[in-house]
N, C-alpha and C. Protein backbone atom coordinates (compact mmCIF):
# COMPACT_ATOMS: atom_id res chain seq x y z
N MET A 1 -8.13 40.24 -78.48
CA MET A 1 -8.49 39.38 -78.29
C MET A 1 -7.30 38.93 -76.64
N GLY A 2 -6.20 39.67 -76.84
CA GLY A 2 -6.24 39.13 -74.95
C GLY A 2 -5.93 40.34 -74.50
N HIS A 3 -6.47 40.22 -73.01
CA HIS A 3 -6.26 41.15 -71.99
C HIS A 3 -5.10 40.32 -70.83
N MET A 4 -4.41 41.75 -69.49
CA MET A 4 -3.96 41.11 -68.95
C MET A 4 -4.79 41.67 -67.62
N LEU A 5 -4.27 40.27 -66.39
CA LEU A 5 -4.95 41.17 -65.25
C LEU A 5 -3.86 41.36 -64.43
N GLN A 6 -4.11 42.29 -62.80
CA GLN A 6 -2.80 42.42 -62.62
C GLN A 6 -3.24 42.40 -60.70
N ARG A 7 -2.85 41.46 -60.13
CA ARG A 7 -2.90 41.07 -58.71
C ARG A 7 -2.19 41.72 -57.93
N LYS A 8 -2.68 41.63 -56.05
CA LYS A 8 -1.60 41.35 -55.81
C LYS A 8 -1.62 40.11 -54.69
N ARG A 9 -0.28 40.07 -54.48
CA ARG A 9 -0.68 38.63 -53.87
C ARG A 9 -0.71 39.09 -52.46
N SER A 10 -0.86 38.00 -51.18
CA SER A 10 -0.78 37.85 -50.12
C SER A 10 0.63 38.20 -49.54
N ASP A 11 1.57 38.16 -49.93
CA ASP A 11 2.86 38.29 -49.75
C ASP A 11 3.53 39.71 -50.32
N GLY A 12 2.49 40.62 -50.82
CA GLY A 12 2.49 42.11 -51.19
C GLY A 12 3.57 41.81 -52.54
N SER A 13 3.20 40.64 -53.28
CA SER A 13 4.26 40.98 -54.37
C SER A 13 3.11 40.79 -55.82
N THR A 14 3.02 41.37 -56.74
CA THR A 14 2.51 41.43 -57.93
C THR A 14 2.40 40.59 -59.07
N ASP A 15 1.32 39.96 -59.16
CA ASP A 15 1.23 38.48 -60.34
C ASP A 15 0.76 39.67 -61.29
N PHE A 16 0.92 38.83 -62.88
CA PHE A 16 0.12 39.39 -64.23
C PHE A 16 -0.71 37.73 -64.71
N THR A 17 -1.82 38.00 -65.12
CA THR A 17 -2.65 37.06 -65.64
C THR A 17 -2.81 37.41 -66.45
N ALA A 18 -2.26 36.94 -68.18
CA ALA A 18 -2.66 37.11 -69.50
C ALA A 18 -3.36 36.34 -70.05
N GLN A 19 -4.32 36.45 -70.70
CA GLN A 19 -5.59 35.87 -70.93
C GLN A 19 -5.62 35.65 -72.44
N ILE A 20 -6.04 34.49 -72.96
CA ILE A 20 -5.96 35.32 -74.78
C ILE A 20 -7.40 34.57 -75.13
N ARG A 21 -8.63 34.57 -75.47
CA ARG A 21 -9.54 33.88 -75.60
C ARG A 21 -9.65 34.24 -76.92
N LYS A 22 -9.66 33.49 -78.19
CA LYS A 22 -10.41 33.83 -79.97
C LYS A 22 -11.86 32.80 -79.82
N ARG A 23 -12.69 33.23 -80.26
CA ARG A 23 -14.75 33.16 -80.38
C ARG A 23 -14.24 33.10 -82.03
N GLN A 24 -15.17 32.23 -82.51
CA GLN A 24 -15.72 32.19 -84.14
C GLN A 24 -17.40 31.91 -83.85
N GLN A 25 -17.68 32.71 -84.52
CA GLN A 25 -19.57 32.40 -84.68
C GLN A 25 -19.80 32.21 -83.27
N GLY A 26 -19.60 33.12 -83.14
CA GLY A 26 -20.25 33.45 -81.34
C GLY A 26 -19.36 32.32 -80.10
N ILE A 27 -18.47 31.05 -80.34
CA ILE A 27 -18.94 30.39 -79.55
C ILE A 27 -16.99 30.16 -79.38
N THR A 28 -16.84 30.22 -77.93
CA THR A 28 -14.68 30.35 -77.63
C THR A 28 -14.19 29.24 -78.29
N VAL A 29 -13.26 28.72 -79.06
CA VAL A 29 -12.77 28.08 -79.64
C VAL A 29 -10.98 27.90 -79.62
N TYR A 30 -11.11 29.22 -78.11
CA TYR A 30 -9.70 28.96 -77.75
C TYR A 30 -9.55 30.02 -76.37
N ASN A 31 -8.96 29.02 -75.73
CA ASN A 31 -8.85 30.52 -74.34
C ASN A 31 -7.36 29.24 -73.68
N ILE A 32 -6.74 30.29 -73.29
CA ILE A 32 -5.33 29.75 -72.66
C ILE A 32 -5.00 30.82 -71.78
N THR A 33 -4.63 30.73 -70.82
CA THR A 33 -4.25 31.85 -69.41
C THR A 33 -3.28 31.65 -69.29
N GLN A 34 -2.15 32.43 -68.28
CA GLN A 34 -0.79 31.79 -67.92
C GLN A 34 -0.32 33.40 -66.81
N THR A 35 -0.25 33.08 -65.60
CA THR A 35 0.04 33.82 -64.71
C THR A 35 1.72 34.15 -65.03
N PHE A 36 2.27 35.27 -64.72
CA PHE A 36 3.74 35.70 -64.36
C PHE A 36 4.19 36.74 -63.46
N ASN A 37 5.19 37.12 -63.22
CA ASN A 37 5.86 37.79 -62.10
C ASN A 37 5.90 39.19 -62.57
N ASP A 38 6.63 38.98 -64.38
CA ASP A 38 6.90 40.63 -64.19
C ASP A 38 5.56 40.65 -65.54
N ARG A 39 5.07 42.30 -65.89
CA ARG A 39 4.81 42.38 -66.94
C ARG A 39 5.03 42.63 -68.31
N GLY A 40 6.42 42.55 -68.55
CA GLY A 40 7.24 42.45 -69.70
C GLY A 40 7.18 41.27 -69.92
N LYS A 41 7.02 40.41 -69.37
CA LYS A 41 7.55 38.66 -70.03
C LYS A 41 6.00 38.21 -70.13
N ALA A 42 5.02 39.01 -69.04
CA ALA A 42 3.44 38.42 -69.85
C ALA A 42 2.75 38.97 -71.08
N LYS A 43 3.24 40.76 -71.39
CA LYS A 43 3.14 41.21 -72.52
C LYS A 43 3.56 39.92 -74.03
N ALA A 44 5.41 39.82 -73.49
CA ALA A 44 5.62 39.50 -74.98
C ALA A 44 5.11 37.67 -74.77
N TRP A 45 4.70 37.19 -73.86
CA TRP A 45 4.07 35.54 -74.25
C TRP A 45 2.44 35.87 -75.05
N MET A 46 2.11 37.42 -74.72
CA MET A 46 0.97 37.73 -75.20
C MET A 46 0.69 37.88 -76.34
N SER A 47 2.08 38.60 -76.81
CA SER A 47 2.17 38.44 -77.87
C SER A 47 2.47 37.34 -79.02
N LYS A 48 3.62 36.76 -78.42
CA LYS A 48 3.77 35.84 -79.28
C LYS A 48 2.94 34.56 -79.49
N VAL A 49 1.54 34.36 -78.15
CA VAL A 49 0.23 33.32 -78.81
C VAL A 49 -0.57 34.13 -79.77
N GLU A 50 -0.65 35.57 -79.54
CA GLU A 50 -1.57 35.82 -80.66
C GLU A 50 -0.53 35.75 -82.15
N ALA A 51 0.16 35.67 -81.75
CA ALA A 51 0.90 36.11 -83.53
C ALA A 51 1.47 34.28 -84.11
N ASP A 52 1.22 33.08 -83.30
CA ASP A 52 0.37 32.23 -83.57
C ASP A 52 -0.40 31.48 -83.56
N LEU A 53 -1.38 31.96 -82.95
CA LEU A 53 -2.67 31.99 -83.41
C LEU A 53 -2.98 32.72 -84.95
N LYS A 54 -2.56 34.14 -85.27
CA LYS A 54 -2.51 34.78 -86.70
C LYS A 54 -1.96 33.10 -87.78
N SER A 55 -1.07 33.40 -87.53
CA SER A 55 -0.45 32.78 -88.79
C SER A 55 -0.95 31.24 -88.50
N GLY A 56 -1.46 30.77 -87.68
CA GLY A 56 -2.64 29.13 -87.91
C GLY A 56 -1.45 28.20 -87.35
N SER A 57 -0.26 28.54 -86.12
CA SER A 57 0.64 27.72 -85.98
C SER A 57 0.22 27.37 -84.68
N ARG A 58 -0.62 27.94 -83.78
CA ARG A 58 -0.27 27.32 -82.76
C ARG A 58 -2.36 26.74 -82.55
N LEU A 59 -3.05 27.08 -83.47
CA LEU A 59 -4.53 26.26 -83.62
C LEU A 59 -4.69 25.75 -85.19
N PRO A 60 -3.91 25.40 -85.55
CA PRO A 60 -4.92 24.93 -87.27
C PRO A 60 -6.13 24.60 -87.30
N GLN A 61 -6.44 23.70 -86.36
CA GLN A 61 -8.00 23.11 -86.61
C GLN A 61 -9.05 24.44 -86.72
N LEU A 62 -8.27 25.71 -86.28
CA LEU A 62 -9.80 26.72 -86.67
C LEU A 62 -10.06 27.01 -87.91
N ASN A 63 -9.04 26.89 -89.09
CA ASN A 63 -8.75 26.79 -89.99
C ASN A 63 -9.77 25.77 -91.40
N GLN A 64 -10.13 24.68 -89.96
CA GLN A 64 -10.53 23.60 -90.62
C GLN A 64 -12.89 24.08 -90.57
N GLU A 65 -13.53 23.35 -91.54
CA GLU A 65 -14.67 23.48 -91.28
C GLU A 65 -15.54 22.78 -89.84
N ARG A 66 -16.02 23.59 -89.56
CA ARG A 66 -16.57 23.05 -88.94
C ARG A 66 -18.13 22.37 -88.74
N LYS A 67 -18.33 21.70 -88.49
CA LYS A 67 -19.94 20.57 -88.30
C LYS A 67 -20.80 21.18 -87.41
N ILE A 68 -21.95 21.69 -87.80
CA ILE A 68 -22.91 21.90 -86.87
C ILE A 68 -23.82 20.64 -86.62
N PHE A 69 -24.25 20.18 -84.93
CA PHE A 69 -24.80 18.93 -84.44
C PHE A 69 -25.78 18.04 -85.72
N HIS A 70 -26.91 19.21 -85.59
CA HIS A 70 -27.55 18.59 -86.77
C HIS A 70 -27.28 17.93 -88.03
N MET A 71 -26.17 18.38 -88.79
CA MET A 71 -25.21 17.82 -90.03
C MET A 71 -24.76 16.25 -89.70
N VAL A 72 -24.47 16.47 -88.34
CA VAL A 72 -23.73 14.81 -88.11
C VAL A 72 -25.57 14.49 -87.63
N ILE A 73 -26.18 14.44 -87.39
CA ILE A 73 -27.61 13.84 -87.13
C ILE A 73 -28.27 13.42 -88.19
N ASP A 74 -28.39 13.56 -88.78
CA ASP A 74 -28.57 13.97 -90.48
C ASP A 74 -27.78 12.88 -90.62
N GLN A 75 -26.42 12.83 -91.02
CA GLN A 75 -25.36 11.81 -92.01
C GLN A 75 -25.81 10.58 -91.04
N TYR A 76 -26.02 10.72 -89.49
CA TYR A 76 -25.97 9.23 -88.59
C TYR A 76 -27.12 8.88 -89.44
N ILE A 77 -28.32 9.42 -89.53
CA ILE A 77 -29.07 8.55 -89.84
C ILE A 77 -29.49 8.68 -91.59
N LYS A 78 -28.85 8.91 -92.25
CA LYS A 78 -28.76 8.66 -93.33
C LYS A 78 -27.67 7.02 -93.83
N ASP A 79 -26.56 7.33 -93.26
CA ASP A 79 -25.68 6.18 -93.48
C ASP A 79 -26.54 5.12 -92.74
N LEU A 80 -26.66 4.89 -91.94
CA LEU A 80 -27.25 3.75 -90.82
C LEU A 80 -29.14 3.07 -91.32
N GLY A 81 -29.24 4.53 -92.09
CA GLY A 81 -30.92 4.09 -93.00
C GLY A 81 -31.95 2.77 -91.55
N ASP A 82 -31.90 1.82 -92.32
CA ASP A 82 -33.00 1.54 -92.16
C ASP A 82 -32.29 0.44 -91.09
N ASP A 83 -31.34 0.47 -90.59
CA ASP A 83 -30.72 -0.07 -89.35
C ASP A 83 -31.23 0.34 -88.23
N ILE A 84 -31.43 1.71 -88.32
CA ILE A 84 -32.43 1.91 -87.32
C ILE A 84 -33.35 2.37 -86.97
N GLY A 85 -34.17 1.94 -86.01
CA GLY A 85 -35.47 1.45 -85.81
C GLY A 85 -36.17 2.59 -85.72
N LYS A 86 -37.83 2.17 -85.34
CA LYS A 86 -38.52 3.42 -85.47
C LYS A 86 -38.56 4.42 -84.02
N THR A 87 -38.29 4.31 -83.28
CA THR A 87 -38.04 4.74 -81.86
C THR A 87 -36.36 6.10 -82.35
N LYS A 88 -35.41 4.93 -82.43
CA LYS A 88 -34.52 6.03 -82.61
C LYS A 88 -34.61 7.03 -84.11
N ARG A 89 -35.27 6.49 -84.75
CA ARG A 89 -35.25 7.71 -85.62
C ARG A 89 -36.11 8.89 -85.12
N GLN A 90 -37.32 8.84 -84.54
CA GLN A 90 -37.97 10.11 -84.10
C GLN A 90 -37.46 11.00 -82.96
N VAL A 91 -36.36 9.99 -81.92
CA VAL A 91 -35.42 10.74 -81.03
C VAL A 91 -34.63 11.87 -81.67
N LEU A 92 -33.97 11.09 -82.75
CA LEU A 92 -33.07 11.64 -82.57
C LEU A 92 -33.90 13.68 -84.23
N ARG A 93 -34.74 13.03 -84.55
CA ARG A 93 -35.43 13.87 -85.48
C ARG A 93 -35.88 14.66 -84.68
N THR A 94 -36.75 14.21 -83.23
CA THR A 94 -36.95 15.59 -81.80
C THR A 94 -35.92 16.07 -81.93
N ILE A 95 -34.49 15.68 -81.70
CA ILE A 95 -33.91 16.17 -81.18
C ILE A 95 -32.72 17.39 -82.53
N LYS A 96 -33.52 17.05 -83.27
CA LYS A 96 -32.62 17.91 -84.89
C LYS A 96 -33.63 19.29 -83.99
N SER A 97 -34.76 19.34 -83.82
CA SER A 97 -35.30 21.00 -83.62
C SER A 97 -35.38 21.40 -81.77
N MET A 98 -34.24 21.07 -81.94
CA MET A 98 -34.11 21.31 -80.50
C MET A 98 -32.06 22.45 -80.48
N THR A 99 -32.49 23.25 -79.23
CA THR A 99 -31.28 23.71 -79.93
C THR A 99 -30.45 23.68 -79.48
N ILE A 100 -29.87 22.45 -79.22
CA ILE A 100 -28.72 21.97 -79.18
C ILE A 100 -27.93 21.22 -80.16
N ALA A 101 -29.09 21.00 -81.62
CA ALA A 101 -28.69 20.49 -83.20
C ALA A 101 -27.77 22.14 -83.43
N GLN A 102 -28.68 23.23 -83.02
CA GLN A 102 -27.60 24.06 -83.88
C GLN A 102 -26.55 24.42 -83.55
N GLN A 103 -26.05 23.84 -82.50
CA GLN A 103 -24.74 24.08 -81.39
C GLN A 103 -23.28 23.48 -82.74
N ILE A 104 -22.77 23.94 -82.87
CA ILE A 104 -21.02 23.86 -83.68
C ILE A 104 -20.86 22.17 -82.56
N CYS A 105 -20.40 21.25 -83.49
CA CYS A 105 -20.47 20.33 -82.83
C CYS A 105 -19.36 19.75 -81.49
N ASP A 106 -17.87 20.68 -81.73
CA ASP A 106 -16.82 20.25 -80.74
C ASP A 106 -17.09 21.69 -79.64
N SER A 107 -18.04 22.81 -79.39
CA SER A 107 -18.20 23.23 -78.22
C SER A 107 -19.83 22.59 -77.64
N ILE A 108 -20.33 21.51 -77.61
CA ILE A 108 -21.38 20.45 -77.19
C ILE A 108 -20.33 19.63 -75.96
N ASP A 109 -20.19 20.22 -74.93
CA ASP A 109 -20.05 19.17 -73.50
C ASP A 109 -20.87 19.01 -72.52
N THR A 110 -19.70 18.39 -71.90
CA THR A 110 -20.71 17.96 -70.66
C THR A 110 -21.71 18.90 -69.88
N SER A 111 -21.18 19.81 -69.50
CA SER A 111 -22.37 21.49 -69.41
C SER A 111 -24.08 21.09 -70.21
N ALA A 112 -23.12 21.32 -71.15
CA ALA A 112 -23.94 21.43 -73.06
C ALA A 112 -25.42 20.26 -72.80
N LEU A 113 -24.66 19.11 -72.58
CA LEU A 113 -25.74 17.87 -72.61
C LEU A 113 -26.50 17.90 -71.10
N VAL A 114 -25.82 18.16 -70.34
CA VAL A 114 -26.85 17.96 -68.86
C VAL A 114 -27.57 19.40 -68.83
N ALA A 115 -27.31 20.12 -69.72
CA ALA A 115 -28.64 21.77 -69.62
C ALA A 115 -29.50 21.01 -70.35
N PHE A 116 -29.41 20.33 -71.51
CA PHE A 116 -30.07 19.43 -72.60
C PHE A 116 -30.82 18.74 -71.97
N ALA A 117 -30.95 17.29 -70.86
CA ALA A 117 -31.54 17.05 -70.00
C ALA A 117 -31.90 17.80 -69.14
N ARG A 118 -31.80 19.10 -68.73
CA ARG A 118 -33.22 19.16 -68.37
C ARG A 118 -33.58 20.17 -68.56
N GLN A 119 -33.59 20.49 -70.10
CA GLN A 119 -34.65 20.51 -70.88
C GLN A 119 -35.71 19.89 -71.34
N LEU A 120 -35.30 18.92 -71.77
CA LEU A 120 -36.30 17.10 -71.70
C LEU A 120 -36.72 16.99 -70.93
N LYS A 121 -36.07 17.15 -69.38
CA LYS A 121 -37.16 17.09 -67.99
C LYS A 121 -37.91 17.61 -67.80
N LYS A 122 -37.93 18.99 -68.28
CA LYS A 122 -39.88 19.73 -68.04
C LYS A 122 -40.56 19.73 -68.72
N GLU A 123 -40.15 18.73 -69.93
CA GLU A 123 -41.59 17.81 -70.43
C GLU A 123 -41.95 16.70 -70.84
N ARG A 124 -41.25 15.71 -70.05
CA ARG A 124 -40.45 14.55 -70.28
C ARG A 124 -40.17 13.91 -69.05
N LYS A 125 -40.22 12.81 -68.87
CA LYS A 125 -40.21 11.76 -67.33
C LYS A 125 -38.93 11.30 -67.57
N PRO A 126 -38.68 11.00 -66.39
CA PRO A 126 -36.78 11.11 -66.21
C PRO A 126 -36.25 9.99 -66.84
N GLN A 127 -36.95 8.56 -67.43
CA GLN A 127 -36.96 7.56 -68.20
C GLN A 127 -37.00 7.83 -70.11
N THR A 128 -37.80 8.50 -69.86
CA THR A 128 -37.58 9.60 -71.30
C THR A 128 -36.12 10.36 -71.40
N VAL A 129 -36.36 10.82 -70.78
CA VAL A 129 -34.79 11.40 -70.75
C VAL A 129 -33.63 10.56 -71.41
N GLY A 130 -33.58 9.35 -70.15
CA GLY A 130 -32.22 8.60 -69.92
C GLY A 130 -32.75 7.99 -72.13
N ASN A 131 -34.01 7.60 -72.31
CA ASN A 131 -33.45 6.98 -73.93
C ASN A 131 -33.31 7.87 -74.85
N TYR A 132 -33.47 8.97 -74.42
CA TYR A 132 -32.89 10.19 -75.22
C TYR A 132 -31.18 10.14 -75.84
N LEU A 133 -30.83 10.77 -74.30
CA LEU A 133 -29.24 10.49 -73.96
C LEU A 133 -29.09 8.81 -74.70
N MET A 134 -29.80 7.84 -74.38
CA MET A 134 -28.77 6.81 -74.69
C MET A 134 -28.68 6.77 -76.73
N HIS A 135 -29.88 7.78 -77.06
CA HIS A 135 -29.70 7.21 -78.63
C HIS A 135 -28.64 8.46 -79.04
N LEU A 136 -28.62 9.72 -78.40
CA LEU A 136 -27.95 9.99 -78.89
C LEU A 136 -26.39 10.28 -78.61
N SER A 137 -26.32 8.88 -77.52
CA SER A 137 -24.33 8.41 -76.83
C SER A 137 -24.33 7.46 -78.49
N ALA A 138 -25.19 7.01 -79.15
CA ALA A 138 -24.96 6.71 -79.96
C ALA A 138 -24.20 7.18 -81.55
N VAL A 139 -24.67 8.73 -81.71
CA VAL A 139 -24.06 9.42 -82.35
C VAL A 139 -22.32 9.68 -81.99
N PHE A 140 -22.51 9.63 -80.39
CA PHE A 140 -21.53 10.52 -79.83
C PHE A 140 -20.38 9.73 -80.81
N SER A 141 -20.55 8.01 -80.56
CA SER A 141 -19.70 6.71 -80.16
C SER A 141 -18.91 6.87 -81.90
N ILE A 142 -19.47 6.99 -83.09
CA ILE A 142 -19.15 7.15 -84.05
C ILE A 142 -18.88 7.91 -85.36
N ALA A 143 -19.31 9.44 -84.10
CA ALA A 143 -19.33 11.01 -84.88
C ALA A 143 -17.53 11.06 -85.45
N GLU A 144 -17.08 10.83 -84.75
CA GLU A 144 -15.29 11.37 -84.93
C GLU A 144 -14.44 10.89 -86.00
N VAL A 145 -14.67 9.52 -85.52
CA VAL A 145 -14.14 9.15 -86.61
C VAL A 145 -14.58 8.43 -88.24
N ALA A 146 -16.54 8.06 -88.09
CA ALA A 146 -17.41 8.15 -89.19
C ALA A 146 -17.01 9.29 -89.77
N PHE A 147 -17.51 10.73 -89.37
CA PHE A 147 -18.21 11.60 -89.59
C PHE A 147 -17.54 12.71 -89.40
N ASN A 148 -15.84 12.38 -89.22
CA ASN A 148 -15.01 13.22 -89.14
C ASN A 148 -15.71 14.89 -88.65
N ALA A 149 -16.28 14.89 -87.36
CA ALA A 149 -16.94 15.25 -86.07
C ALA A 149 -16.95 16.23 -85.05
N LYS A 150 -15.82 16.68 -84.49
CA LYS A 150 -15.95 17.09 -82.70
C LYS A 150 -16.58 16.64 -81.47
N LEU A 151 -17.25 15.45 -81.94
CA LEU A 151 -18.21 14.81 -80.49
C LEU A 151 -17.50 14.38 -79.74
N ASP A 152 -17.37 14.42 -78.19
CA ASP A 152 -16.23 13.80 -77.76
C ASP A 152 -17.59 12.69 -76.47
N GLU A 153 -16.81 11.72 -77.08
CA GLU A 153 -17.71 10.48 -76.84
C GLU A 153 -17.46 10.40 -74.85
N GLY A 154 -16.38 10.87 -74.71
CA GLY A 154 -16.15 10.84 -72.57
C GLY A 154 -17.08 12.04 -72.40
N GLU A 155 -17.78 13.30 -72.78
CA GLU A 155 -18.68 14.42 -72.07
C GLU A 155 -19.55 13.77 -72.37
N MET A 156 -20.03 12.68 -73.09
CA MET A 156 -20.87 12.48 -73.43
C MET A 156 -21.96 11.38 -71.89
N ARG A 157 -20.03 10.46 -72.02
CA ARG A 157 -20.26 9.64 -70.79
C ARG A 157 -20.57 10.33 -69.46
N LYS A 158 -19.80 11.65 -69.08
CA LYS A 158 -19.44 11.88 -68.08
C LYS A 158 -21.03 12.54 -67.19
N ALA A 159 -21.73 12.85 -68.63
CA ALA A 159 -23.18 14.04 -68.93
C ALA A 159 -23.90 12.87 -68.35
N VAL A 160 -23.98 11.46 -68.44
CA VAL A 160 -24.98 10.62 -68.22
C VAL A 160 -24.96 9.98 -66.70
N LYS A 161 -23.53 10.78 -66.92
CA LYS A 161 -23.33 9.66 -65.19
C LYS A 161 -24.18 11.41 -63.99
N ILE A 162 -23.65 12.76 -65.07
CA ILE A 162 -24.21 13.51 -63.73
C ILE A 162 -25.68 13.81 -63.52
N CYS A 163 -26.17 13.23 -65.04
CA CYS A 163 -27.31 13.38 -65.02
C CYS A 163 -28.05 11.82 -63.88
N TRP A 164 -27.52 11.22 -63.70
CA TRP A 164 -28.17 10.21 -62.97
C TRP A 164 -28.46 10.27 -61.81
N ARG A 165 -27.05 11.41 -60.77
CA ARG A 165 -26.67 11.63 -59.72
C ARG A 165 -27.77 12.49 -59.43
N LEU A 166 -27.97 13.42 -60.36
CA LEU A 166 -29.27 14.87 -60.14
C LEU A 166 -30.47 14.30 -60.97
N LYS A 167 -30.71 13.11 -60.55
CA LYS A 167 -32.06 12.51 -60.69
C LYS A 167 -32.74 12.47 -62.23
N ILE A 168 -32.16 13.57 -63.23
CA ILE A 168 -32.05 14.02 -63.79
C ILE A 168 -33.18 12.10 -65.07
N ILE A 169 -32.28 11.29 -64.97
CA ILE A 169 -32.48 10.33 -65.68
C ILE A 169 -32.84 9.09 -64.66
N LYS A 170 -33.35 8.09 -65.13
CA LYS A 170 -33.69 7.61 -63.91
C LYS A 170 -34.29 5.93 -64.56
N LYS A 171 -34.50 4.86 -63.65
CA LYS A 171 -34.92 3.88 -64.10
C LYS A 171 -36.77 4.02 -64.30
N SER A 172 -37.54 3.42 -64.79
CA SER A 172 -38.50 3.37 -64.57
C SER A 172 -38.85 2.48 -63.73
N GLY A 173 -40.47 2.60 -63.22
CA GLY A 173 -40.94 2.43 -61.63
C GLY A 173 -41.63 1.19 -62.10
N LYS A 174 -41.53 0.79 -61.45
CA LYS A 174 -42.45 -0.66 -61.24
C LYS A 174 -43.83 -0.29 -61.11
N ARG A 175 -44.76 -1.12 -62.30
CA ARG A 175 -46.03 -1.18 -62.51
C ARG A 175 -46.34 -1.33 -61.50
N SER A 176 -47.46 -1.01 -60.70
CA SER A 176 -48.68 -1.08 -60.09
C SER A 176 -49.68 -2.06 -60.27
N ARG A 177 -50.16 -1.92 -61.18
CA ARG A 177 -51.19 -3.26 -61.57
C ARG A 177 -50.99 -4.05 -62.75
N ARG A 178 -51.86 -4.93 -62.91
CA ARG A 178 -52.15 -5.08 -64.77
C ARG A 178 -53.55 -4.86 -65.45
N PRO A 179 -53.38 -4.52 -66.16
CA PRO A 179 -54.48 -4.87 -66.83
C PRO A 179 -56.19 -5.15 -67.02
N ARG A 180 -57.03 -5.42 -66.60
CA ARG A 180 -58.48 -6.29 -66.10
C ARG A 180 -58.79 -6.14 -68.00
N LEU A 181 -59.59 -7.60 -67.63
CA LEU A 181 -59.65 -8.30 -68.59
C LEU A 181 -60.46 -7.41 -69.86
N CYS A 182 -61.38 -6.16 -68.94
CA CYS A 182 -62.32 -5.50 -70.25
C CYS A 182 -61.77 -4.28 -70.24
N GLU A 183 -60.54 -3.78 -70.18
CA GLU A 183 -59.82 -2.82 -70.32
C GLU A 183 -58.67 -3.79 -71.47
N LEU A 184 -58.11 -4.80 -71.60
CA LEU A 184 -57.44 -5.55 -72.42
C LEU A 184 -58.72 -5.48 -74.29
N ASP A 185 -59.91 -6.88 -73.64
CA ASP A 185 -60.94 -6.12 -74.54
C ASP A 185 -61.42 -4.94 -75.06
N SER A 186 -61.13 -4.16 -74.95
CA SER A 186 -61.72 -2.50 -75.41
C SER A 186 -60.32 -2.38 -76.53
N LEU A 187 -59.27 -2.05 -75.89
CA LEU A 187 -57.54 -2.08 -76.30
C LEU A 187 -58.25 -3.28 -77.66
N MET A 188 -58.52 -4.42 -77.73
CA MET A 188 -58.39 -4.78 -78.90
C MET A 188 -59.85 -4.64 -79.94
N GLY A 189 -60.32 -4.43 -79.56
CA GLY A 189 -61.47 -4.35 -80.20
C GLY A 189 -62.84 -5.03 -80.23
N CYS A 190 -63.15 -5.41 -79.35
CA CYS A 190 -64.15 -7.55 -79.30
C CYS A 190 -65.28 -6.80 -78.89
């Protein structure tokens, strides 16, 4: 669970960096690092933190049920029912089939959301990616309180901001032309 690194400082002294990482289901759920001047202090700190983790006193939420993202999306669709429009329902169902939906909620951070947006952009226009993130942010806005899911709304806001800066999402372009009368007639079936 824990390991220690020894490094030489520029002044010739040595420091000891102790790191403890706890993983569940292949996902890092706890990570802490502390640097000490003495190897003994670093070992004592590591022993105490590891004992706290084993007893559950340091991180009680490790024993709580962790929700998978697609379960939260299902709950959102079920609870809001007919209040969700057709487009939003279709977008959320599409997201459920993607890899991000298989992640545990508390592992979805800004970088995961930006990676998701990049994945979307491979097959969709930036405007569509923006729509997907907008519909997904509605789930993030109520998930923690309504569904007891660890989805951080702040992470979603940061991801959208980064996607705008990276031009993964952008506004729709202006139309360059209007349909001609014969095109409208063919659409109307006349």
